[in-house]
N, C-alpha and C. Protein backbone atom coordinates (compact mmCIF):
# COMPACT_ATOMS: atom_id res chain seq x y z
N MET A 1 -13.58 -26.72 25.47
CA MET A 1 -12.70 -25.55 25.48
C MET A 1 -11.92 -25.36 26.75
N GLN A 2 -11.79 -26.38 27.51
CA GLN A 2 -11.14 -26.36 28.74
C GLN A 2 -9.62 -26.24 28.63
N TRP A 3 -9.08 -26.62 27.46
CA TRP A 3 -7.68 -26.70 27.23
C TRP A 3 -6.92 -25.27 27.24
N MET A 4 -7.83 -24.17 27.08
CA MET A 4 -7.18 -22.89 26.96
C MET A 4 -7.80 -21.98 28.04
N ALA A 5 -6.93 -21.14 28.62
CA ALA A 5 -7.49 -20.18 29.62
C ALA A 5 -8.03 -18.95 28.83
N TRP A 6 -9.47 -18.95 28.73
CA TRP A 6 -10.09 -17.90 27.98
C TRP A 6 -10.29 -16.71 28.86
N THR A 7 -9.38 -15.78 28.78
CA THR A 7 -9.54 -14.53 29.47
C THR A 7 -10.18 -13.56 28.59
N ALA A 8 -10.55 -12.39 29.10
CA ALA A 8 -11.10 -11.34 28.17
C ALA A 8 -10.19 -10.86 27.09
N PRO A 9 -8.88 -10.66 27.43
CA PRO A 9 -8.02 -10.22 26.33
C PRO A 9 -7.80 -11.36 25.34
N THR A 10 -7.75 -12.55 25.69
CA THR A 10 -7.60 -13.66 24.74
C THR A 10 -8.74 -13.73 23.82
N ALA A 11 -9.95 -13.64 24.43
CA ALA A 11 -11.17 -13.70 23.52
C ALA A 11 -11.22 -12.53 22.72
N GLY A 12 -10.85 -11.35 23.20
CA GLY A 12 -10.91 -10.16 22.33
C GLY A 12 -9.96 -10.27 21.16
N PHE A 13 -8.80 -10.80 21.46
CA PHE A 13 -7.73 -11.01 20.36
C PHE A 13 -8.31 -11.84 19.24
N PHE A 14 -8.91 -13.01 19.64
CA PHE A 14 -9.49 -13.91 18.58
C PHE A 14 -10.60 -13.32 17.96
N ALA A 15 -11.46 -12.50 18.64
CA ALA A 15 -12.65 -11.89 18.02
C ALA A 15 -12.14 -10.80 17.04
N LEU A 16 -11.12 -10.06 17.30
CA LEU A 16 -10.58 -9.09 16.38
C LEU A 16 -10.03 -9.69 15.19
N ILE A 17 -9.33 -10.84 15.29
CA ILE A 17 -8.76 -11.51 14.18
C ILE A 17 -9.92 -12.03 13.28
N ALA A 18 -10.93 -12.62 13.87
CA ALA A 18 -12.02 -13.15 13.14
C ALA A 18 -12.79 -12.00 12.39
N SER A 19 -12.96 -10.91 13.10
CA SER A 19 -13.61 -9.73 12.51
C SER A 19 -12.82 -9.20 11.34
N ALA A 20 -11.55 -9.11 11.50
CA ALA A 20 -10.65 -8.65 10.40
C ALA A 20 -10.81 -9.52 9.17
N ILE A 21 -10.84 -10.80 9.37
CA ILE A 21 -10.96 -11.79 8.29
C ILE A 21 -12.31 -11.61 7.58
N VAL A 22 -13.33 -11.35 8.34
CA VAL A 22 -14.70 -11.22 7.71
C VAL A 22 -14.67 -9.90 6.96
N VAL A 23 -14.12 -8.81 7.50
CA VAL A 23 -14.05 -7.50 6.84
C VAL A 23 -13.28 -7.64 5.53
N LEU A 24 -12.07 -8.33 5.59
CA LEU A 24 -11.24 -8.57 4.43
C LEU A 24 -12.00 -9.31 3.34
N THR A 25 -12.82 -10.33 3.71
CA THR A 25 -13.58 -11.10 2.75
C THR A 25 -14.63 -10.18 2.07
N LEU A 26 -15.28 -9.40 2.92
CA LEU A 26 -16.32 -8.49 2.33
C LEU A 26 -15.69 -7.48 1.35
N ILE A 27 -14.50 -6.93 1.75
CA ILE A 27 -13.85 -6.05 0.80
C ILE A 27 -13.51 -6.68 -0.40
N GLU A 28 -13.00 -8.05 -0.36
CA GLU A 28 -12.50 -8.80 -1.51
C GLU A 28 -13.74 -8.96 -2.43
N LEU A 29 -14.88 -9.22 -1.86
CA LEU A 29 -16.10 -9.51 -2.66
C LEU A 29 -16.46 -8.21 -3.35
N LYS A 30 -16.39 -7.07 -2.76
CA LYS A 30 -16.71 -5.81 -3.31
C LYS A 30 -15.67 -5.26 -4.27
N TRP A 31 -14.39 -5.34 -3.96
CA TRP A 31 -13.27 -4.82 -4.79
C TRP A 31 -12.22 -5.90 -4.84
N PRO A 32 -12.30 -6.82 -5.86
CA PRO A 32 -11.25 -7.91 -5.94
C PRO A 32 -9.82 -7.27 -5.94
N THR A 33 -8.94 -7.99 -5.29
CA THR A 33 -7.60 -7.45 -5.13
C THR A 33 -6.73 -7.76 -6.31
N GLN A 34 -5.74 -7.01 -6.56
CA GLN A 34 -4.71 -7.23 -7.56
C GLN A 34 -3.41 -7.44 -6.83
N GLU A 35 -2.57 -8.29 -7.45
CA GLU A 35 -1.15 -8.40 -6.83
C GLU A 35 -0.40 -7.11 -7.17
N THR A 36 0.15 -6.58 -6.11
CA THR A 36 0.93 -5.24 -6.25
C THR A 36 2.32 -5.50 -5.68
N ARG A 37 3.16 -4.58 -6.09
CA ARG A 37 4.53 -4.62 -5.61
C ARG A 37 4.80 -3.28 -4.87
N GLY A 38 5.03 -3.47 -3.58
CA GLY A 38 5.34 -2.35 -2.72
C GLY A 38 6.79 -2.44 -2.32
N TRP A 39 7.10 -2.11 -1.05
CA TRP A 39 8.49 -2.19 -0.65
C TRP A 39 8.94 -3.61 -0.18
N LEU A 40 7.88 -4.49 -0.03
CA LEU A 40 8.12 -5.95 0.27
C LEU A 40 8.82 -6.59 -0.98
N PRO A 41 9.77 -7.47 -0.85
CA PRO A 41 10.43 -8.02 -1.91
C PRO A 41 9.61 -8.95 -2.83
N ILE A 42 8.32 -9.09 -2.58
CA ILE A 42 7.41 -9.94 -3.35
C ILE A 42 6.13 -9.24 -3.77
N ARG A 43 5.56 -9.79 -4.80
CA ARG A 43 4.15 -9.31 -5.15
C ARG A 43 3.24 -9.88 -4.17
N THR A 44 2.31 -8.98 -3.61
CA THR A 44 1.41 -9.43 -2.66
C THR A 44 -0.06 -9.05 -2.86
N THR A 45 -0.99 -9.77 -2.32
CA THR A 45 -2.41 -9.35 -2.30
C THR A 45 -2.71 -8.72 -0.98
N ARG A 46 -3.87 -8.29 -0.80
CA ARG A 46 -4.40 -7.76 0.47
C ARG A 46 -4.31 -8.85 1.64
N GLY A 47 -4.65 -10.10 1.24
CA GLY A 47 -4.68 -11.14 2.17
C GLY A 47 -3.22 -11.49 2.60
N ASP A 48 -2.30 -11.50 1.61
CA ASP A 48 -0.93 -11.72 1.89
C ASP A 48 -0.33 -10.76 2.88
N ARG A 49 -0.68 -9.48 2.65
CA ARG A 49 -0.10 -8.43 3.49
C ARG A 49 -0.73 -8.51 4.94
N PHE A 50 -2.00 -8.97 5.02
CA PHE A 50 -2.59 -9.19 6.30
C PHE A 50 -1.90 -10.31 7.05
N PHE A 51 -1.60 -11.44 6.39
CA PHE A 51 -0.95 -12.57 6.97
C PHE A 51 0.52 -12.14 7.48
N ILE A 52 1.16 -11.45 6.62
CA ILE A 52 2.50 -10.97 6.94
C ILE A 52 2.44 -10.03 8.12
N SER A 53 1.42 -9.22 8.23
CA SER A 53 1.21 -8.29 9.43
C SER A 53 0.99 -9.13 10.73
N LEU A 54 0.24 -10.24 10.56
CA LEU A 54 0.02 -11.10 11.81
C LEU A 54 1.30 -11.79 12.20
N LEU A 55 2.03 -12.27 11.24
CA LEU A 55 3.40 -12.83 11.58
C LEU A 55 4.29 -11.84 12.25
N LEU A 56 4.33 -10.68 11.64
CA LEU A 56 5.20 -9.56 12.20
C LEU A 56 4.76 -9.25 13.67
N ALA A 57 3.49 -9.14 13.86
CA ALA A 57 3.01 -8.87 15.19
C ALA A 57 3.41 -10.00 16.20
N ALA A 58 3.42 -11.26 15.75
CA ALA A 58 3.82 -12.37 16.65
C ALA A 58 5.33 -12.20 17.02
N TYR A 59 6.13 -11.87 15.95
CA TYR A 59 7.50 -11.75 16.18
C TYR A 59 7.84 -10.54 17.08
N VAL A 60 7.14 -9.48 16.90
CA VAL A 60 7.34 -8.26 17.72
C VAL A 60 6.95 -8.61 19.26
N HIS A 61 5.83 -9.28 19.40
CA HIS A 61 5.46 -9.58 20.73
C HIS A 61 6.46 -10.60 21.39
N LEU A 62 6.88 -11.60 20.69
CA LEU A 62 7.77 -12.58 21.29
C LEU A 62 9.14 -11.87 21.62
N THR A 63 9.59 -10.97 20.78
CA THR A 63 10.83 -10.27 20.97
C THR A 63 10.69 -9.33 22.19
N TRP A 64 9.58 -8.69 22.22
CA TRP A 64 9.29 -7.76 23.36
C TRP A 64 9.26 -8.51 24.72
N LEU A 65 8.54 -9.62 24.77
CA LEU A 65 8.48 -10.34 26.00
C LEU A 65 9.81 -10.94 26.43
N ALA A 66 10.67 -11.21 25.45
CA ALA A 66 11.92 -11.85 25.78
C ALA A 66 12.99 -10.78 26.27
N THR A 67 12.77 -9.59 25.80
CA THR A 67 13.83 -8.55 26.00
C THR A 67 13.41 -7.35 26.86
N VAL A 68 12.21 -7.08 27.04
CA VAL A 68 11.75 -5.76 27.65
C VAL A 68 10.87 -6.08 28.86
N GLU A 69 11.02 -5.41 29.93
CA GLU A 69 10.20 -5.66 31.10
C GLU A 69 8.86 -4.84 31.09
N ALA A 70 8.78 -3.91 30.13
CA ALA A 70 7.55 -2.99 30.11
C ALA A 70 6.30 -3.84 29.64
N SER A 71 5.20 -3.18 29.77
CA SER A 71 3.97 -3.75 29.38
C SER A 71 3.89 -4.14 27.96
N ALA A 72 3.25 -5.32 27.65
CA ALA A 72 3.11 -5.77 26.28
C ALA A 72 2.18 -4.89 25.48
N LEU A 73 1.44 -3.97 26.08
CA LEU A 73 0.64 -3.02 25.34
C LEU A 73 1.47 -2.22 24.38
N TYR A 74 2.63 -1.82 24.76
CA TYR A 74 3.63 -1.15 23.85
C TYR A 74 3.92 -1.98 22.59
N ALA A 75 4.10 -3.29 22.87
CA ALA A 75 4.40 -4.17 21.68
C ALA A 75 3.16 -4.22 20.75
N SER A 76 1.98 -4.18 21.36
CA SER A 76 0.78 -4.20 20.50
C SER A 76 0.70 -2.94 19.69
N ILE A 77 1.07 -1.80 20.30
CA ILE A 77 0.99 -0.51 19.55
C ILE A 77 2.01 -0.55 18.38
N ILE A 78 3.20 -1.03 18.72
CA ILE A 78 4.20 -1.12 17.64
C ILE A 78 3.76 -2.07 16.52
N SER A 79 3.15 -3.18 16.98
CA SER A 79 2.61 -4.12 15.93
C SER A 79 1.57 -3.51 15.12
N LEU A 80 0.72 -2.78 15.72
CA LEU A 80 -0.39 -2.12 14.94
C LEU A 80 0.20 -1.16 13.95
N LEU A 81 1.27 -0.40 14.32
CA LEU A 81 1.79 0.62 13.43
C LEU A 81 2.49 -0.17 12.26
N PHE A 82 3.25 -1.15 12.57
CA PHE A 82 3.91 -1.93 11.55
C PHE A 82 2.91 -2.58 10.60
N GLY A 83 1.75 -3.13 11.20
CA GLY A 83 0.75 -3.74 10.39
C GLY A 83 0.10 -2.74 9.43
N LEU A 84 -0.14 -1.52 9.89
CA LEU A 84 -0.74 -0.47 8.98
C LEU A 84 0.21 -0.13 7.89
N LEU A 85 1.54 -0.07 8.23
CA LEU A 85 2.55 0.23 7.13
C LEU A 85 2.54 -0.87 6.10
N VAL A 86 2.53 -2.14 6.57
CA VAL A 86 2.56 -3.26 5.68
C VAL A 86 1.29 -3.30 4.76
N MET A 87 0.16 -3.07 5.38
CA MET A 87 -1.15 -3.16 4.69
C MET A 87 -1.26 -2.07 3.61
N ARG A 88 -0.67 -0.88 3.97
CA ARG A 88 -0.83 0.19 3.08
C ARG A 88 0.26 0.29 1.97
N TRP A 89 1.45 0.07 2.33
CA TRP A 89 2.60 0.26 1.33
C TRP A 89 3.38 -0.99 1.10
N GLY A 90 3.10 -2.13 1.77
CA GLY A 90 3.84 -3.31 1.60
C GLY A 90 3.62 -3.90 0.27
C-alpha cells in the first residue's frame, strides 16, 4: 500500500464509501428495490442513484478545485446535498 499517501481524510473517505455500500446491501436484502422514475431522465434503482451521486460528487469536487480558492469542505457539503437530492427524488 505504499503507492498511495494514506492520510486520515483519505482513509475516512474510503471507509465511508465502503460503509455506504454495506448499508445499501443490507437495505437491499431487507427491502428489494424497484426501478423508479424521478426527475432523472432514466429509470433508476437505489444503487444506480448512489453511483450517480458518487459521480456527481467527483465532478463537483474537480470543478471546485479548478475554479475556487476556498476550502474543499464546501464542495463536500454541496456534494452531500446533491447526493441526498438524487437519492431521494432522482
